[in-house]
Structure formats: C-alpha cells, structure tokens
PDB file of all heavy atoms in Angstrom:
ATOM      1  N   ARG A   1       5.870  25.453 -18.051  1.00  0.00           N
ATOM      2  CA  ARG A   1       5.074  26.660 -17.945  1.00  0.00           C
ATOM      3  C   ARG A   1       4.294  26.750 -16.635  1.00  0.00           C
ATOM      4  O   ARG A   1       3.491  27.677 -16.464  1.00  0.00           O
ATOM      5  CB  ARG A   1       4.113  26.745 -19.126  1.00  0.00           C
ATOM      6  CG  ARG A   1       4.824  26.790 -20.479  1.00  0.00           C
ATOM      7  CD  ARG A   1       3.837  26.759 -21.619  1.00  0.00           C
ATOM      8  NE  ARG A   1       4.522  26.770 -22.916  1.00  0.00           N
ATOM      9  CZ  ARG A   1       3.922  26.644 -24.081  1.00  0.00           C
ATOM     10  NH1 ARG A   1       2.592  26.503 -24.131  1.00  0.00           N
ATOM     11  NH2 ARG A   1       4.620  26.659 -25.202  1.00  0.00           N
ATOM     12  N   TYR A   2       4.538  25.831 -15.716  1.00  0.00           N
ATOM     13  CA  TYR A   2       3.804  25.762 -14.467  1.00  0.00           C
ATOM     14  C   TYR A   2       4.743  25.782 -13.275  1.00  0.00           C
ATOM     15  O   TYR A   2       5.857  25.256 -13.332  1.00  0.00           O
ATOM     16  CB  TYR A   2       2.978  24.476 -14.399  1.00  0.00           C
ATOM     17  CG  TYR A   2       1.801  24.453 -15.327  1.00  0.00           C
ATOM     18  CD1 TYR A   2       1.964  24.333 -16.698  1.00  0.00           C
ATOM     19  CD2 TYR A   2       0.504  24.539 -14.817  1.00  0.00           C
ATOM     20  CE1 TYR A   2       0.877  24.314 -17.549  1.00  0.00           C
ATOM     21  CE2 TYR A   2      -0.588  24.507 -15.665  1.00  0.00           C
ATOM     22  CZ  TYR A   2      -0.402  24.397 -17.024  1.00  0.00           C
ATOM     23  OH  TYR A   2      -1.487  24.368 -17.858  1.00  0.00           O
ATOM     24  N   ALA A   3       4.288  26.378 -12.198  1.00  0.00           N
ATOM     25  CA  ALA A   3       4.902  26.102 -10.913  1.00  0.00           C
ATOM     26  C   ALA A   3       4.543  24.670 -10.523  1.00  0.00           C
ATOM     27  O   ALA A   3       3.400  24.241 -10.701  1.00  0.00           O
ATOM     28  CB  ALA A   3       4.409  27.076  -9.850  1.00  0.00           C
ATOM     29  N   ILE A   4       5.512  23.929 -10.034  1.00  0.00           N
ATOM     30  CA  ILE A   4       5.275  22.548  -9.634  1.00  0.00           C
ATOM     31  C   ILE A   4       5.563  22.411  -8.143  1.00  0.00           C
ATOM     32  O   ILE A   4       6.479  23.039  -7.611  1.00  0.00           O
ATOM     33  CB  ILE A   4       6.118  21.553 -10.450  1.00  0.00           C
ATOM     34  CG1 ILE A   4       7.618  21.888 -10.369  1.00  0.00           C
ATOM     35  CG2 ILE A   4       5.655  21.545 -11.896  1.00  0.00           C
ATOM     36  CD1 ILE A   4       8.517  20.840 -11.005  1.00  0.00           C
ATOM     37  N   ALA A   5       4.791  21.569  -7.490  1.00  0.00           N
ATOM     38  CA  ALA A   5       4.883  21.453  -6.043  1.00  0.00           C
ATOM     39  C   ALA A   5       4.600  20.028  -5.607  1.00  0.00           C
ATOM     40  O   ALA A   5       3.987  19.240  -6.331  1.00  0.00           O
ATOM     41  CB  ALA A   5       3.906  22.413  -5.362  1.00  0.00           C
ATOM     42  N   TRP A   6       5.061  19.717  -4.418  1.00  0.00           N
ATOM     43  CA  TRP A   6       4.740  18.461  -3.752  1.00  0.00           C
ATOM     44  C   TRP A   6       4.089  18.750  -2.409  1.00  0.00           C
ATOM     45  O   TRP A   6       4.568  19.601  -1.648  1.00  0.00           O
ATOM     46  CB  TRP A   6       5.986  17.597  -3.540  1.00  0.00           C
ATOM     47  CG  TRP A   6       6.501  16.989  -4.799  1.00  0.00           C
ATOM     48  CD1 TRP A   6       7.464  17.483  -5.616  1.00  0.00           C
ATOM     49  CD2 TRP A   6       6.079  15.751  -5.387  1.00  0.00           C
ATOM     50  NE1 TRP A   6       7.672  16.637  -6.678  1.00  0.00           N
ATOM     51  CE2 TRP A   6       6.837  15.573  -6.564  1.00  0.00           C
ATOM     52  CE3 TRP A   6       5.134  14.784  -5.027  1.00  0.00           C
ATOM     53  CZ2 TRP A   6       6.674  14.454  -7.386  1.00  0.00           C
ATOM     54  CZ3 TRP A   6       4.967  13.673  -5.853  1.00  0.00           C
ATOM     55  CH2 TRP A   6       5.736  13.523  -7.014  1.00  0.00           C
ATOM     56  N   PHE A   7       3.018  18.038  -2.148  1.00  0.00           N
ATOM     57  CA  PHE A   7       2.342  18.056  -0.865  1.00  0.00           C
ATOM     58  C   PHE A   7       2.341  16.647  -0.304  1.00  0.00           C
ATOM     59  O   PHE A   7       2.598  15.678  -1.022  1.00  0.00           O
ATOM     60  CB  PHE A   7       0.895  18.539  -1.009  1.00  0.00           C
ATOM     61  CG  PHE A   7       0.757  19.989  -1.382  1.00  0.00           C
ATOM     62  CD1 PHE A   7       1.038  20.430  -2.659  1.00  0.00           C
ATOM     63  CD2 PHE A   7       0.330  20.916  -0.439  1.00  0.00           C
ATOM     64  CE1 PHE A   7       0.897  21.762  -3.012  1.00  0.00           C
ATOM     65  CE2 PHE A   7       0.184  22.253  -0.774  1.00  0.00           C
ATOM     66  CZ  PHE A   7       0.474  22.674  -2.060  1.00  0.00           C
ATOM     67  N   ARG A   8       2.042  16.521   0.975  1.00  0.00           N
ATOM     68  CA  ARG A   8       1.922  15.199   1.568  1.00  0.00           C
ATOM     69  C   ARG A   8       0.864  15.209   2.660  1.00  0.00           C
ATOM     70  O   ARG A   8       0.583  16.239   3.265  1.00  0.00           O
ATOM     71  CB  ARG A   8       3.256  14.704   2.131  1.00  0.00           C
ATOM     72  CG  ARG A   8       3.762  15.468   3.345  1.00  0.00           C
ATOM     73  CD  ARG A   8       5.136  14.967   3.753  1.00  0.00           C
ATOM     74  NE  ARG A   8       5.636  15.637   4.945  1.00  0.00           N
ATOM     75  CZ  ARG A   8       6.853  15.453   5.443  1.00  0.00           C
ATOM     76  NH1 ARG A   8       7.694  14.599   4.857  1.00  0.00           N
ATOM     77  NH2 ARG A   8       7.229  16.105   6.537  1.00  0.00           N
ATOM     78  N   GLN A   9       0.299  14.035   2.899  1.00  0.00           N
ATOM     79  CA  GLN A   9      -0.680  13.874   3.963  1.00  0.00           C
ATOM     80  C   GLN A   9      -0.365  12.595   4.719  1.00  0.00           C
ATOM     81  O   GLN A   9      -0.483  11.496   4.177  1.00  0.00           O
ATOM     82  CB  GLN A   9      -2.100  13.834   3.412  1.00  0.00           C
ATOM     83  CG  GLN A   9      -3.161  13.824   4.492  1.00  0.00           C
ATOM     84  CD  GLN A   9      -4.548  14.115   3.955  1.00  0.00           C
ATOM     85  OE1 GLN A   9      -4.811  13.966   2.762  1.00  0.00           O
ATOM     86  NE2 GLN A   9      -5.440  14.532   4.833  1.00  0.00           N
ATOM     87  N   ALA A  10       0.037  12.751   5.960  1.00  0.00           N
ATOM     88  CA  ALA A  10       0.352  11.619   6.815  1.00  0.00           C
ATOM     89  C   ALA A  10      -0.928  11.095   7.457  1.00  0.00           C
ATOM     90  O   ALA A  10      -1.925  11.819   7.566  1.00  0.00           O
ATOM     91  CB  ALA A  10       1.356  12.034   7.889  1.00  0.00           C
ATOM     92  N   PRO A  11      -0.917   9.845   7.900  1.00  0.00           N
ATOM     93  CA  PRO A  11      -2.105   9.301   8.563  1.00  0.00           C
ATOM     94  C   PRO A  11      -2.525  10.149   9.752  1.00  0.00           C
ATOM     95  O   PRO A  11      -1.710  10.466  10.621  1.00  0.00           O
ATOM     96  CB  PRO A  11      -1.654   7.907   9.005  1.00  0.00           C
ATOM     97  CG  PRO A  11      -0.554   7.551   8.047  1.00  0.00           C
ATOM     98  CD  PRO A  11       0.147   8.838   7.759  1.00  0.00           C
ATOM     99  N   GLY A  12      -3.781  10.534   9.772  1.00  0.00           N
ATOM    100  CA  GLY A  12      -4.302  11.332  10.858  1.00  0.00           C
ATOM    101  C   GLY A  12      -3.904  12.790  10.844  1.00  0.00           C
ATOM    102  O   GLY A  12      -4.215  13.519  11.796  1.00  0.00           O
ATOM    103  N   LYS A  13      -3.236  13.237   9.792  1.00  0.00           N
ATOM    104  CA  LYS A  13      -2.775  14.616   9.699  1.00  0.00           C
ATOM    105  C   LYS A  13      -3.418  15.318   8.508  1.00  0.00           C
ATOM    106  O   LYS A  13      -3.920  14.685   7.583  1.00  0.00           O
ATOM    107  CB  LYS A  13      -1.256  14.670   9.551  1.00  0.00           C
ATOM    108  CG  LYS A  13      -0.484  13.984  10.663  1.00  0.00           C
ATOM    109  CD  LYS A  13      -0.576  14.748  11.963  1.00  0.00           C
ATOM    110  CE  LYS A  13       0.316  14.124  13.018  1.00  0.00           C
ATOM    111  NZ  LYS A  13       0.262  14.868  14.302  1.00  0.00           N
ATOM    112  N   GLU A  14      -3.375  16.638   8.532  1.00  0.00           N
ATOM    113  CA  GLU A  14      -3.833  17.424   7.396  1.00  0.00           C
ATOM    114  C   GLU A  14      -2.752  17.487   6.328  1.00  0.00           C
ATOM    115  O   GLU A  14      -1.565  17.330   6.609  1.00  0.00           O
ATOM    116  CB  GLU A  14      -4.220  18.835   7.836  1.00  0.00           C
ATOM    117  CG  GLU A  14      -5.398  18.892   8.787  1.00  0.00           C
ATOM    118  CD  GLU A  14      -5.829  20.300   9.100  1.00  0.00           C
ATOM    119  OE1 GLU A  14      -5.260  21.252   8.530  1.00  0.00           O
ATOM    120  OE2 GLU A  14      -6.744  20.470   9.914  1.00  0.00           O
ATOM    121  N   ARG A  15      -3.173  17.724   5.097  1.00  0.00           N
ATOM    122  CA  ARG A  15      -2.222  17.832   4.003  1.00  0.00           C
ATOM    123  C   ARG A  15      -1.357  19.075   4.181  1.00  0.00           C
ATOM    124  O   ARG A  15      -1.847  20.147   4.541  1.00  0.00           O
ATOM    125  CB  ARG A  15      -2.960  17.883   2.668  1.00  0.00           C
ATOM    126  CG  ARG A  15      -2.045  17.845   1.457  1.00  0.00           C
ATOM    127  CD  ARG A  15      -2.781  17.390   0.212  1.00  0.00           C
ATOM    128  NE  ARG A  15      -3.946  18.208  -0.082  1.00  0.00           N
ATOM    129  CZ  ARG A  15      -4.836  17.930  -1.017  1.00  0.00           C
ATOM    130  NH1 ARG A  15      -4.708  16.812  -1.739  1.00  0.00           N
ATOM    131  NH2 ARG A  15      -5.860  18.726  -1.228  1.00  0.00           N
ATOM    132  N   GLU A  16      -0.058  18.926   3.933  1.00  0.00           N
ATOM    133  CA  GLU A  16       0.871  20.022   4.090  1.00  0.00           C
ATOM    134  C   GLU A  16       1.736  20.175   2.843  1.00  0.00           C
ATOM    135  O   GLU A  16       2.034  19.201   2.159  1.00  0.00           O
ATOM    136  CB  GLU A  16       1.764  19.807   5.311  1.00  0.00           C
ATOM    137  CG  GLU A  16       2.662  18.582   5.212  1.00  0.00           C
ATOM    138  CD  GLU A  16       3.663  18.475   6.342  1.00  0.00           C
ATOM    139  OE1 GLU A  16       4.026  19.512   6.924  1.00  0.00           O
ATOM    140  OE2 GLU A  16       4.092  17.339   6.644  1.00  0.00           O
ATOM    141  N   GLY A  17       2.150  21.390   2.585  1.00  0.00           N
ATOM    142  CA  GLY A  17       3.058  21.644   1.492  1.00  0.00           C
ATOM    143  C   GLY A  17       4.464  21.202   1.838  1.00  0.00           C
ATOM    144  O   GLY A  17       4.934  21.390   2.960  1.00  0.00           O
ATOM    145  N   VAL A  18       5.153  20.616   0.868  1.00  0.00           N
ATOM    146  CA  VAL A  18       6.502  20.101   1.058  1.00  0.00           C
ATOM    147  C   VAL A  18       7.528  20.949   0.326  1.00  0.00           C
ATOM    148  O   VAL A  18       8.527  21.382   0.906  1.00  0.00           O
ATOM    149  CB  VAL A  18       6.605  18.637   0.592  1.00  0.00           C
ATOM    150  CG1 VAL A  18       8.045  18.141   0.674  1.00  0.00           C
ATOM    151  CG2 VAL A  18       5.681  17.751   1.423  1.00  0.00           C
ATOM    152  N   SER A  19       7.301  21.182  -0.970  1.00  0.00           N
ATOM    153  CA  SER A  19       8.277  21.893  -1.777  1.00  0.00           C
ATOM    154  C   SER A  19       7.616  22.441  -3.020  1.00  0.00           C
ATOM    155  O   SER A  19       6.577  21.942  -3.457  1.00  0.00           O
ATOM    156  CB  SER A  19       9.442  20.966  -2.155  1.00  0.00           C
ATOM    157  OG  SER A  19      10.445  21.661  -2.872  1.00  0.00           O
ATOM    158  N   CYS A  20       8.241  23.452  -3.604  1.00  0.00           N
ATOM    159  CA  CYS A  20       7.716  24.075  -4.809  1.00  0.00           C
ATOM    160  C   CYS A  20       8.851  24.707  -5.595  1.00  0.00           C
ATOM    161  O   CYS A  20       9.811  25.210  -5.007  1.00  0.00           O
ATOM    162  CB  CYS A  20       6.672  25.127  -4.441  1.00  0.00           C
ATOM    163  SG  CYS A  20       5.878  25.947  -5.844  1.00  0.00           S
ATOM    164  N   THR A  21       8.731  24.691  -6.915  1.00  0.00           N
ATOM    165  CA  THR A  21       9.684  25.381  -7.778  1.00  0.00           C
ATOM    166  C   THR A  21       8.933  25.954  -8.970  1.00  0.00           C
ATOM    167  O   THR A  21       7.889  25.454  -9.370  1.00  0.00           O
ATOM    168  CB  THR A  21      10.817  24.447  -8.239  1.00  0.00           C
ATOM    169  OG1 THR A  21      11.823  25.203  -8.928  1.00  0.00           O
ATOM    170  CG2 THR A  21      10.284  23.369  -9.174  1.00  0.00           C
ATOM    171  N   SER A  22       9.490  27.028  -9.524  1.00  0.00           N
ATOM    172  CA  SER A  22       8.844  27.722 -10.630  1.00  0.00           C
ATOM    173  C   SER A  22       9.888  28.226 -11.606  1.00  0.00           C
ATOM    174  O   SER A  22      10.955  28.696 -11.191  1.00  0.00           O
ATOM    175  CB  SER A  22       8.002  28.883 -10.118  1.00  0.00           C
ATOM    176  OG  SER A  22       7.505  29.672 -11.189  1.00  0.00           O
ATOM    177  N   SER A  23       9.564  28.159 -12.894  1.00  0.00           N
ATOM    178  CA  SER A  23      10.451  28.717 -13.911  1.00  0.00           C
ATOM    179  C   SER A  23      10.451  30.231 -13.880  1.00  0.00           C
ATOM    180  O   SER A  23      11.335  30.857 -14.462  1.00  0.00           O
ATOM    181  CB  SER A  23      10.043  28.219 -15.298  1.00  0.00           C
ATOM    182  OG  SER A  23       8.729  28.623 -15.626  1.00  0.00           O
ATOM    183  N   ARG A  24       9.483  30.844 -13.228  1.00  0.00           N
ATOM    184  CA  ARG A  24       9.396  32.298 -13.127  1.00  0.00           C
ATOM    185  C   ARG A  24      10.232  32.858 -11.993  1.00  0.00           C
ATOM    186  O   ARG A  24      10.471  34.048 -11.924  1.00  0.00           O
ATOM    187  CB  ARG A  24       7.944  32.725 -12.944  1.00  0.00           C
ATOM    188  CG  ARG A  24       7.027  32.356 -14.089  1.00  0.00           C
ATOM    189  CD  ARG A  24       5.638  32.884 -13.844  1.00  0.00           C
ATOM    190  NE  ARG A  24       5.627  34.336 -13.800  1.00  0.00           N
ATOM    191  CZ  ARG A  24       4.619  35.068 -13.331  1.00  0.00           C
ATOM    192  NH1 ARG A  24       3.539  34.466 -12.864  1.00  0.00           N
ATOM    193  NH2 ARG A  24       4.699  36.386 -13.344  1.00  0.00           N
ATOM    194  N   GLU A  25      10.660  32.010 -11.082  1.00  0.00           N
ATOM    195  CA  GLU A  25      11.432  32.436  -9.926  1.00  0.00           C
ATOM    196  C   GLU A  25      12.643  31.529  -9.767  1.00  0.00           C
ATOM    197  O   GLU A  25      12.565  30.322  -9.968  1.00  0.00           O
ATOM    198  CB  GLU A  25      10.586  32.394  -8.651  1.00  0.00           C
ATOM    199  CG  GLU A  25       9.365  33.298  -8.671  1.00  0.00           C
ATOM    200  CD  GLU A  25       9.710  34.763  -8.527  1.00  0.00           C
ATOM    201  OE1 GLU A  25      10.818  35.065  -8.054  1.00  0.00           O
ATOM    202  OE2 GLU A  25       8.877  35.608  -8.889  1.00  0.00           O
ATOM    203  N   SER A  26      13.753  32.119  -9.361  1.00  0.00           N
ATOM    204  CA  SER A  26      14.960  31.335  -9.130  1.00  0.00           C
ATOM    205  C   SER A  26      14.953  30.652  -7.770  1.00  0.00           C
ATOM    206  O   SER A  26      15.677  29.689  -7.553  1.00  0.00           O
ATOM    207  CB  SER A  26      16.203  32.221  -9.262  1.00  0.00           C
ATOM    208  OG  SER A  26      16.171  33.278  -8.323  1.00  0.00           O
ATOM    209  N   THR A  27      14.160  31.157  -6.858  1.00  0.00           N
ATOM    210  CA  THR A  27      14.105  30.617  -5.509  1.00  0.00           C
ATOM    211  C   THR A  27      13.203  29.391  -5.456  1.00  0.00           C
ATOM    212  O   THR A  27      12.083  29.410  -5.965  1.00  0.00           O
ATOM    213  CB  THR A  27      13.591  31.674  -4.526  1.00  0.00           C
ATOM    214  OG1 THR A  27      14.464  32.805  -4.536  1.00  0.00           O
ATOM    215  CG2 THR A  27      13.527  31.109  -3.117  1.00  0.00           C
ATOM    216  N   THR A  28      13.712  28.344  -4.851  1.00  0.00           N
ATOM    217  CA  THR A  28      12.950  27.134  -4.598  1.00  0.00           C
ATOM    218  C   THR A  28      12.601  27.078  -3.123  1.00  0.00           C
ATOM    219  O   THR A  28      13.438  27.385  -2.275  1.00  0.00           O
ATOM    220  CB  THR A  28      13.742  25.890  -5.002  1.00  0.00           C
ATOM    221  OG1 THR A  28      14.062  25.956  -6.397  1.00  0.00           O
ATOM    222  CG2 THR A  28      12.936  24.622  -4.755  1.00  0.00           C
ATOM    223  N   TYR A  29      11.373  26.702  -2.838  1.00  0.00           N
ATOM    224  CA  TYR A  29      10.904  26.731  -1.457  1.00  0.00           C
ATOM    225  C   TYR A  29      10.767  25.321  -0.912  1.00  0.00           C
ATOM    226  O   TYR A  29      10.268  24.419  -1.595  1.00  0.00           O
ATOM    227  CB  TYR A  29       9.556  27.450  -1.361  1.00  0.00           C
ATOM    228  CG  TYR A  29       9.052  27.537   0.056  1.00  0.00           C
ATOM    229  CD1 TYR A  29       9.525  28.520   0.915  1.00  0.00           C
ATOM    230  CD2 TYR A  29       8.125  26.615   0.545  1.00  0.00           C
ATOM    231  CE1 TYR A  29       9.083  28.591   2.224  1.00  0.00           C
ATOM    232  CE2 TYR A  29       7.684  26.682   1.851  1.00  0.00           C
ATOM    233  CZ  TYR A  29       8.166  27.673   2.682  1.00  0.00           C
ATOM    234  OH  TYR A  29       7.727  27.741   3.978  1.00  0.00           O
ATOM    235  N   TYR A  30      11.187  25.145   0.341  1.00  0.00           N
ATOM    236  CA  TYR A  30      11.022  23.890   1.061  1.00  0.00           C
ATOM    237  C   TYR A  30      10.432  24.155   2.434  1.00  0.00           C
ATOM    238  O   TYR A  30      10.795  25.130   3.098  1.00  0.00           O
ATOM    239  CB  TYR A  30      12.357  23.165   1.243  1.00  0.00           C
ATOM    240  CG  TYR A  30      13.013  22.742  -0.041  1.00  0.00           C
ATOM    241  CD1 TYR A  30      13.934  23.561  -0.681  1.00  0.00           C
ATOM    242  CD2 TYR A  30      12.708  21.516  -0.619  1.00  0.00           C
ATOM    243  CE1 TYR A  30      14.533  23.170  -1.864  1.00  0.00           C
ATOM    244  CE2 TYR A  30      13.305  21.115  -1.799  1.00  0.00           C
ATOM    245  CZ  TYR A  30      14.218  21.952  -2.418  1.00  0.00           C
ATOM    246  OH  TYR A  30      14.806  21.553  -3.592  1.00  0.00           O
TER     247      TYR A  30
END
C-alpha cells in the first residue's frame, strides 16, 4: 500500500534518491 524507495548518502555527499516504485503507477523511476 506504499510507494517504496531507496536513497543513498556517500561520504561527504548529500543524500540522493536512487529508485522508487509504486503499486499505483506502472512506471518505475531510477
């Protein structure tokens, strides 16, 4: 029932979005 996503934060860097998927949408984002 949730959109699920992965983020990452490298040393010395800001956190960035990596990927996301949702049961409400067929499109997956990278």
